[in-house]
Amino acid sequence: MVYNYMYQDHRDIQSETSQLEITAPYLLERFKTDDGASLLNKTITVTGTITAIEEGAVTLNESVYASFPEEIPELRANNKVAIKGRCIGYDELFEIVKLDQCSMIK
């Protein structure tokens, strides 16, 4: 029983339905006001403007860090995008919300 709980099947976030659509600044504000805990481990869609790009990740509106499991399509700073991913937490030091297993929404 413990094995099945600890080693659950890997979630396919890309195929899951998003449980919330939200802008990057508003998502950050929810965590800053302690209203973000209900979003942890949920699949959400975040819209915003790309403010930083690094290998395998982008930052939206300097408030949401989104990491991708594979190569990211051609992206440029200042592009407006929608990204679906799993909300994994809030970094209080850097004041940034983190998403993983992200994919671009067409």
Protein backbone atom coordinates (compact mmCIF):
# COMPACT_ATOMS: atom_id res chain seq x y z
CA MET A 1 0.00 0.00 0.00
CA VAL A 2 2.72 2.50 0.91
CA TYR A 3 4.57 1.77 -2.33
CA ASN A 4 1.51 2.62 -4.44
CA TYR A 5 0.98 5.87 -2.55
CA MET A 6 4.59 7.03 -2.69
CA TYR A 7 5.23 5.93 -6.25
CA GLN A 8 2.05 6.94 -8.03
CA ASP A 9 1.92 6.96 -11.80
CA HIS A 10 3.46 10.04 -13.34
CA ARG A 11 0.81 12.66 -14.11
CA ASP A 12 0.47 13.82 -17.69
CA ILE A 13 -0.19 17.52 -17.09
CA GLN A 14 -0.39 18.22 -20.83
CA SER A 15 -3.45 15.98 -21.19
CA GLU A 16 -5.17 17.21 -18.02
CA THR A 17 -7.86 19.88 -18.12
CA SER A 18 -6.82 23.17 -16.59
CA GLN A 19 -8.67 23.86 -13.33
CA LEU A 20 -8.12 27.62 -13.46
CA GLU A 21 -7.16 30.32 -15.96
CA ILE A 22 -5.39 33.29 -14.38
CA THR A 23 -2.99 36.11 -15.28
CA ALA A 24 0.57 35.91 -13.98
CA PRO A 25 0.34 39.07 -11.79
CA TYR A 26 -2.94 37.94 -10.22
CA LEU A 27 -1.53 34.47 -9.49
CA LEU A 28 1.41 36.07 -7.67
CA GLU A 29 -0.95 38.32 -5.73
CA ARG A 30 -2.96 35.29 -4.55
CA PHE A 31 0.17 33.73 -3.04
CA LYS A 32 1.32 37.02 -1.49
CA THR A 33 -2.05 37.34 0.29
CA ASP A 34 -1.98 33.69 1.45
CA ASP A 35 -4.77 32.71 -0.97
CA GLY A 36 -2.68 30.39 -3.13
CA ALA A 37 -2.40 27.18 -1.10
CA SER A 38 -5.51 25.73 -2.76
CA LEU A 39 -3.72 25.91 -6.13
CA LEU A 40 -0.76 23.73 -5.13
CA ASN A 41 -0.43 20.59 -7.26
CA LYS A 42 -3.31 21.79 -9.50
CA THR A 43 -3.15 22.10 -13.28
CA ILE A 44 -3.63 25.76 -14.20
CA THR A 45 -3.30 28.00 -17.24
CA VAL A 46 -1.38 31.24 -16.76
CA THR A 47 -1.35 34.09 -19.25
CA GLY A 48 1.25 36.81 -19.34
CA THR A 49 4.15 38.47 -21.09
CA ILE A 50 7.54 36.74 -21.26
CA THR A 51 10.05 38.77 -19.25
CA ALA A 52 12.91 36.24 -19.16
CA ILE A 53 13.93 33.14 -21.10
CA GLU A 54 16.43 30.50 -20.06
CA GLU A 55 17.10 26.94 -21.12
CA GLY A 56 13.95 24.93 -20.42
CA ALA A 57 12.04 27.75 -18.71
CA VAL A 58 10.46 31.17 -19.05
CA THR A 59 9.36 33.86 -16.61
CA LEU A 60 6.05 35.64 -17.10
CA ASN A 61 5.59 39.22 -15.86
CA GLU A 62 8.54 38.69 -13.47
CA SER A 63 6.10 36.78 -11.26
CA VAL A 64 5.67 33.22 -12.59
CA TYR A 65 8.54 30.81 -13.40
CA ALA A 66 7.45 28.05 -15.79
CA SER A 67 9.70 25.06 -16.50
CA PHE A 68 9.16 22.78 -19.49
CA PRO A 69 9.94 19.05 -19.71
CA GLU A 70 11.24 19.38 -23.27
CA GLU A 71 12.61 21.96 -25.66
CA ILE A 72 10.55 25.15 -25.74
CA PRO A 73 9.32 26.36 -29.11
CA GLU A 74 10.79 29.59 -30.47
CA LEU A 75 9.94 32.26 -27.92
CA ARG A 76 10.92 35.88 -27.55
CA ALA A 77 10.84 38.33 -24.67
CA ASN A 78 7.71 40.50 -24.64
CA ASN A 79 5.61 37.79 -26.37
CA LYS A 80 2.18 37.32 -24.81
CA VAL A 81 1.60 33.63 -24.10
CA ALA A 82 -0.66 31.17 -22.30
CA ILE A 83 1.07 28.32 -20.46
CA LYS A 84 -0.51 25.29 -18.81
CA GLY A 85 1.37 23.62 -15.97
CA ARG A 86 1.28 22.27 -12.45
CA CYS A 87 1.56 24.84 -9.67
CA ILE A 88 4.33 23.59 -7.38
CA GLY A 89 4.79 26.50 -5.02
CA TYR A 90 5.73 30.04 -4.16
CA ASP A 91 9.27 31.22 -3.52
CA GLU A 92 8.93 33.94 -0.88
CA LEU A 93 12.56 35.05 -1.21
CA PHE A 94 12.29 35.79 -4.94
CA GLU A 95 8.52 36.46 -4.82
CA ILE A 96 7.81 34.14 -7.72
CA VAL A 97 5.26 31.36 -8.28
CA LYS A 98 6.66 28.17 -9.81
CA LEU A 99 5.06 25.86 -12.36
CA ASP A 100 6.49 22.63 -13.75
CA GLN A 101 5.61 20.19 -16.56
CA CYS A 102 4.48 23.19 -18.61
CA SER A 103 3.25 23.32 -22.18
CA MET A 104 2.33 26.19 -24.46
CA ILE A 105 -1.36 26.69 -25.19
CA LYS A 106 -1.96 27.35 -28.87
